Amino acid sequence: MTRGDILNRASESLRDAGIESHRLDAELIVAHVLKCDRIKLITERDAAITTAESDLINKLTQRRHDGEPSAYILGHREFYGLDFSVDSRVLIPRPETEMLVDLAINCAPEGGKFLDICTGSGAVAIAVKHARPDLSVSASDVSPDALAVATSNAASITGPESVRLIHSDVFDAFRGERFDIITANPPYISPSCEGALQKEISYEPDIALYSPDDGFSVIERIIAGFSEHLLPGGKLFMEIGYDQGARVLSCAEAHSVRAEIAKDLSGHDRVAVLTPSV
């Protein structure tokens, strides 16, 4: 069997499963097993593959056919131009979350203090540290499993101990500490949506996806507590759901803090920008 044969077979299998990105996913799986880039799959499509390679490609293709995200199958995902290890212990980094990195690196003062809560794989914190090595970067998560992934990613991308990683439920472990910039990508999906979302999402950790009170419980805790952790002139940037902007503004008013809603390139509510009231 040739590379072209197995690639076509994998692509057809994923297409039959209704996966829109069937050709891309097939190319990624085959390239991963053969340890080559996708260009070589085209230029060397007549090259023979071994039985062991064919068996592994079929096994990984079946996992994708069943709905498992390709990032978990391959063990990594690109975010902000960096390669992050990911598995089922952490949420898969998404392109829209790069907006948090842009805002943080553009607003943080030289030599400032930065904190990322609900850090998951560490993608935001590590990307900020990579882009702004002058910053003192801390990150936290309530999940010890997620922190283990983030620790590994930090060590391989920005170096051991480049990011201070802390086990914390929102701000619990940061009493008395203040930062110039805080980012957060909290769980913000309503538990009532579980089972109605894309099949791939069912593979991701519930703790990183769902929050009580229609997805707003953790968001409200952050809004209620962030002010005491910001230095003068500081800001908090928090990713929110596409339909949560109005409720964020109402919640901010109730807690006497200022809020604005930044939209993504699709025009959806994406990031809440919060500052303490003077």
Protein backbone atom coordinates (compact mmCIF):
# COMPACT_ATOMS: atom_id res chain seq x y z
CA MET A 1 0.00 0.00 0.00
CA THR A 2 1.24 3.52 -0.80
CA ARG A 3 0.99 6.81 1.08
CA GLY A 4 -1.59 8.01 -1.44
CA ASP A 5 -3.70 4.90 -0.95
CA ILE A 6 -3.85 5.14 2.83
CA LEU A 7 -4.45 8.89 2.70
CA ASN A 8 -7.42 8.48 0.38
CA ARG A 9 -8.82 5.66 2.49
CA ALA A 10 -8.52 7.71 5.70
CA SER A 11 -10.06 10.79 4.10
CA GLU A 12 -13.02 8.79 2.78
CA SER A 13 -13.61 7.21 6.19
CA LEU A 14 -13.70 10.60 7.89
CA ARG A 15 -15.89 12.05 5.15
CA ASP A 16 -18.38 9.23 5.67
CA ALA A 17 -18.45 10.13 9.37
CA GLY A 18 -19.55 13.67 8.45
CA ILE A 19 -16.28 15.36 9.41
CA GLU A 20 -16.00 18.54 7.36
CA SER A 21 -12.22 18.74 7.66
CA HIS A 22 -11.84 15.10 6.58
CA ARG A 23 -9.01 15.66 4.11
CA LEU A 24 -6.99 17.89 6.44
CA ASP A 25 -7.47 15.55 9.40
CA ALA A 26 -6.45 12.56 7.28
CA GLU A 27 -3.32 14.35 6.12
CA LEU A 28 -2.40 15.29 9.68
CA ILE A 29 -2.85 11.71 10.92
CA VAL A 30 -0.86 10.14 8.09
CA ALA A 31 1.91 12.74 8.34
CA HIS A 32 2.06 12.20 12.10
CA VAL A 33 2.50 8.44 11.76
CA LEU A 34 5.00 8.69 8.92
CA LYS A 35 6.88 11.52 10.67
CA CYS A 36 6.87 13.71 7.60
CA ASP A 37 5.27 17.00 6.58
CA ARG A 38 2.07 17.23 4.58
CA ILE A 39 3.91 18.33 1.42
CA LYS A 40 5.74 15.00 1.28
CA LEU A 41 2.41 13.20 1.33
CA ILE A 42 1.80 14.77 -2.08
CA THR A 43 5.29 14.70 -3.57
CA GLU A 44 5.94 11.14 -2.34
CA ARG A 45 2.43 9.75 -2.55
CA ASP A 46 3.65 6.60 -4.38
CA ALA A 47 6.05 5.65 -1.59
CA ALA A 48 5.18 2.34 0.09
CA ILE A 49 4.21 2.14 3.77
CA THR A 50 4.71 -0.72 6.18
CA THR A 51 1.99 -2.87 7.70
CA ALA A 52 2.72 -1.38 11.12
CA GLU A 53 2.32 2.16 9.75
CA SER A 54 -0.92 1.20 8.01
CA ASP A 55 -2.31 -0.38 11.18
CA LEU A 56 -1.50 2.69 13.29
CA ILE A 57 -2.99 5.07 10.71
CA ASN A 58 -6.18 3.01 10.66
CA LYS A 59 -6.33 3.03 14.46
CA LEU A 60 -5.92 6.79 14.72
CA THR A 61 -8.35 7.38 11.87
CA GLN A 62 -10.97 5.31 13.70
CA ARG A 63 -10.54 7.48 16.78
CA ARG A 64 -11.16 10.59 14.69
CA HIS A 65 -14.06 8.82 12.95
CA ASP A 66 -15.61 8.24 16.38
CA GLY A 67 -15.42 11.96 17.14
CA GLU A 68 -12.25 12.37 19.19
CA PRO A 69 -10.59 15.73 18.42
CA SER A 70 -7.51 15.54 16.23
CA ALA A 71 -5.54 17.59 18.78
CA TYR A 72 -5.90 14.79 21.35
CA ILE A 73 -5.09 12.11 18.79
CA LEU A 74 -1.93 13.91 17.67
CA GLY A 75 -1.07 15.18 21.15
CA HIS A 76 -0.54 18.82 20.25
CA ARG A 77 -2.19 22.02 18.97
CA GLU A 78 -0.72 25.23 17.56
CA PHE A 79 -1.62 28.41 19.44
CA TYR A 80 -0.19 31.87 18.85
CA GLY A 81 2.48 30.33 16.61
CA LEU A 82 3.65 27.94 19.35
CA ASP A 83 3.23 24.17 19.62
CA PHE A 84 1.42 23.08 22.79
CA SER A 85 1.06 19.55 24.09
CA VAL A 86 -2.58 18.77 24.84
CA ASP A 87 -4.56 15.77 26.01
CA SER A 88 -7.92 15.08 27.60
CA ARG A 89 -6.81 16.75 30.84
CA VAL A 90 -7.08 20.20 29.27
CA LEU A 91 -9.26 22.24 26.97
CA ILE A 92 -7.94 22.44 23.41
CA PRO A 93 -6.62 25.99 22.78
CA ARG A 94 -8.77 27.82 20.24
CA PRO A 95 -7.87 30.63 17.82
CA GLU A 96 -10.39 33.06 19.34
CA THR A 97 -8.58 32.87 22.68
CA GLU A 98 -5.49 34.42 21.05
CA MET A 99 -7.34 37.71 21.53
CA LEU A 100 -6.48 37.51 25.24
CA VAL A 101 -2.77 37.25 24.38
CA ASP A 102 -2.95 40.24 22.03
CA LEU A 103 -4.62 42.39 24.66
CA ALA A 104 -2.23 41.34 27.44
CA ILE A 105 1.03 41.87 25.55
CA ASN A 106 -0.13 45.23 24.20
CA CYS A 107 -1.39 46.59 27.54
CA ALA A 108 1.10 45.21 30.07
CA PRO A 109 3.70 47.76 31.24
CA GLU A 110 7.42 47.05 30.84
CA GLY A 111 8.53 44.66 33.58
CA GLY A 112 4.94 44.30 34.78
CA LYS A 113 3.19 41.50 36.66
CA PHE A 114 0.79 39.27 34.73
CA LEU A 115 -1.62 36.59 35.93
CA ASP A 116 -3.65 34.10 33.90
CA ILE A 117 -6.34 32.22 35.81
CA CYS A 118 -8.15 29.11 34.56
CA THR A 119 -4.98 28.54 32.56
CA GLY A 120 -5.60 24.95 31.40
CA SER A 121 -2.74 23.96 29.11
CA GLY A 122 -1.01 27.22 29.95
CA ALA A 123 -1.46 28.49 26.39
CA VAL A 124 -2.27 32.13 27.20
CA ALA A 125 0.31 32.53 29.97
CA ILE A 126 3.09 30.85 28.01
CA ALA A 127 2.31 32.75 24.82
CA VAL A 128 2.43 36.01 26.78
CA LYS A 129 5.76 35.06 28.37
CA HIS A 130 7.17 34.07 24.97
CA ALA A 131 6.12 37.41 23.44
CA ARG A 132 6.98 39.51 26.53
CA PRO A 133 9.89 37.91 28.43
CA ASP A 134 10.16 41.10 30.50
CA LEU A 135 6.93 40.24 32.32
CA SER A 136 6.69 38.32 35.57
CA VAL A 137 4.11 35.69 34.62
CA SER A 138 1.95 33.64 36.97
CA ALA A 139 -0.81 31.20 36.04
CA SER A 140 -3.29 29.09 37.97
CA ASP A 141 -5.93 26.43 37.60
CA VAL A 142 -8.23 24.53 39.93
CA SER A 143 -7.28 21.26 38.19
CA PRO A 144 -3.98 19.62 39.25
CA ASP A 145 -4.09 17.61 36.02
CA ALA A 146 -4.25 20.79 33.94
CA LEU A 147 -1.35 22.27 35.90
CA ALA A 148 0.76 19.21 35.09
CA VAL A 149 0.17 19.82 31.37
CA ALA A 150 0.87 23.54 31.74
CA THR A 151 4.10 22.84 33.63
CA SER A 152 5.32 20.58 30.84
CA ASN A 153 4.40 23.12 28.17
CA ALA A 154 6.13 25.97 29.98
CA ALA A 155 9.30 23.92 30.41
CA SER A 156 9.46 23.05 26.72
CA ILE A 157 8.46 26.43 25.28
CA THR A 158 9.73 29.19 27.56
CA GLY A 159 11.92 27.21 29.95
CA PRO A 160 11.61 25.66 33.42
CA GLU A 161 10.33 28.07 36.06
CA SER A 162 9.66 30.75 33.42
CA VAL A 163 6.01 30.77 34.53
CA ARG A 164 4.92 30.49 38.16
CA LEU A 165 2.15 27.90 38.20
CA ILE A 166 -0.20 27.79 41.19
CA HIS A 167 -3.07 25.53 42.16
CA SER A 168 -5.95 27.89 42.85
CA ASP A 169 -9.71 28.18 42.58
CA VAL A 170 -9.99 31.59 40.88
CA PHE A 171 -8.18 34.03 43.23
CA ASP A 172 -8.05 31.90 46.40
CA ALA A 173 -4.26 31.39 46.34
CA PHE A 174 -3.47 35.03 45.54
CA ARG A 175 -4.61 36.84 48.66
CA GLY A 176 -2.62 40.05 49.02
CA GLU A 177 -1.12 39.83 45.52
CA ARG A 178 -1.73 42.40 42.80
CA PHE A 179 -1.01 42.39 39.09
CA ASP A 180 -0.92 44.84 36.20
CA ILE A 181 -2.84 42.54 33.87
CA ILE A 182 -5.05 39.53 34.57
CA THR A 183 -6.53 37.25 31.92
CA ALA A 184 -9.09 34.51 32.33
CA ASN A 185 -10.74 31.94 30.11
CA PRO A 186 -13.17 30.44 32.61
CA PRO A 187 -15.76 27.73 32.00
CA TYR A 188 -18.76 29.60 30.63
CA ILE A 189 -21.06 27.03 29.01
CA SER A 190 -24.35 26.17 30.69
CA PRO A 191 -24.54 22.56 31.93
CA SER A 192 -27.91 22.35 30.17
CA CYS A 193 -26.01 22.42 26.84
CA GLU A 194 -24.12 19.23 27.63
CA GLY A 195 -24.97 16.62 25.03
CA ALA A 196 -26.24 19.20 22.55
CA LEU A 197 -22.84 20.47 21.46
CA GLN A 198 -20.44 19.10 18.86
CA LYS A 199 -19.42 15.53 19.56
CA GLU A 200 -15.76 16.55 19.79
CA ILE A 201 -16.51 18.74 22.81
CA SER A 202 -17.65 15.71 24.81
CA TYR A 203 -14.00 14.60 24.92
CA GLU A 204 -12.86 17.78 26.66
CA PRO A 205 -12.86 18.11 30.48
CA ASP A 206 -16.20 19.21 31.93
CA ILE A 207 -14.45 21.33 34.57
CA ALA A 208 -13.02 23.55 31.82
CA LEU A 209 -16.29 23.85 29.91
CA TYR A 210 -19.32 24.02 32.17
CA SER A 211 -20.29 26.34 34.98
CA PRO A 212 -23.52 26.54 37.01
CA ASP A 213 -26.02 29.37 36.70
CA ASP A 214 -26.28 29.10 32.90
CA GLY A 215 -22.50 29.17 32.59
CA PHE A 216 -22.11 32.33 34.66
CA SER A 217 -21.06 31.15 38.11
CA VAL A 218 -17.28 31.39 37.68
CA ILE A 219 -17.58 34.57 35.62
CA GLU A 220 -19.47 36.28 38.45
CA ARG A 221 -16.87 35.16 41.00
CA ILE A 222 -14.15 36.69 38.87
CA ILE A 223 -16.06 39.96 38.46
CA ALA A 224 -16.74 40.10 42.20
CA GLY A 225 -13.13 39.51 43.22
CA PHE A 226 -10.72 40.84 40.59
CA SER A 227 -10.47 44.46 41.80
CA GLU A 228 -8.43 43.68 44.89
CA HIS A 229 -5.85 41.87 42.72
CA LEU A 230 -5.11 44.69 40.28
CA LEU A 231 -2.43 47.34 40.61
CA PRO A 232 -3.42 50.96 39.83
CA GLY A 233 -4.21 51.26 36.13
CA GLY A 234 -4.55 47.51 35.76
CA LYS A 235 -7.08 45.61 33.66
CA LEU A 236 -8.68 42.19 33.53
CA PHE A 237 -9.44 40.57 30.17
CA MET A 238 -11.88 37.65 30.33
CA GLU A 239 -13.15 35.46 27.51
CA ILE A 240 -16.92 35.06 27.55
CA GLY A 241 -19.62 33.34 25.53
CA TYR A 242 -20.98 34.95 22.37
CA ASP A 243 -24.28 35.82 24.10
CA GLN A 244 -23.03 36.79 27.57
CA GLY A 245 -22.02 40.42 27.01
CA ALA A 246 -25.20 42.00 28.33
CA ARG A 247 -25.17 39.90 31.49
CA VAL A 248 -21.49 40.70 32.08
CA LEU A 249 -22.28 44.43 31.91
CA SER A 250 -25.18 44.00 34.33
CA CYS A 251 -23.07 41.94 36.72
CA ALA A 252 -20.24 44.49 36.60
CA GLU A 253 -22.68 47.28 37.45
CA ALA A 254 -24.01 45.27 40.38
CA HIS A 255 -20.47 44.90 41.73
CA SER A 256 -19.61 48.56 41.07
CA VAL A 257 -16.87 47.87 38.52
CA ARG A 258 -16.49 49.11 34.96
CA ALA A 259 -16.82 46.80 31.98
CA GLU A 260 -16.64 46.95 28.21
CA ILE A 261 -17.23 44.14 25.73
CA ALA A 262 -14.77 43.56 22.89
CA LYS A 263 -16.04 41.65 19.87
CA ASP A 264 -14.13 39.10 17.81
CA LEU A 265 -13.63 39.20 14.03
CA SER A 266 -17.04 37.57 13.55
CA GLY A 267 -18.73 40.38 15.47
CA HIS A 268 -19.56 38.22 18.49
CA ASP A 269 -19.05 39.17 22.14
CA ARG A 270 -15.70 37.63 23.01
CA VAL A 271 -13.73 39.46 25.73
CA ALA A 272 -14.92 41.41 28.74
CA VAL A 273 -12.54 44.24 29.65
CA LEU A 274 -12.92 45.02 33.35
CA THR A 275 -11.41 47.76 35.51
CA PRO A 276 -12.09 48.74 39.12
CA SER A 277 -14.23 51.78 39.68
CA VAL A 278 -12.27 54.78 40.90
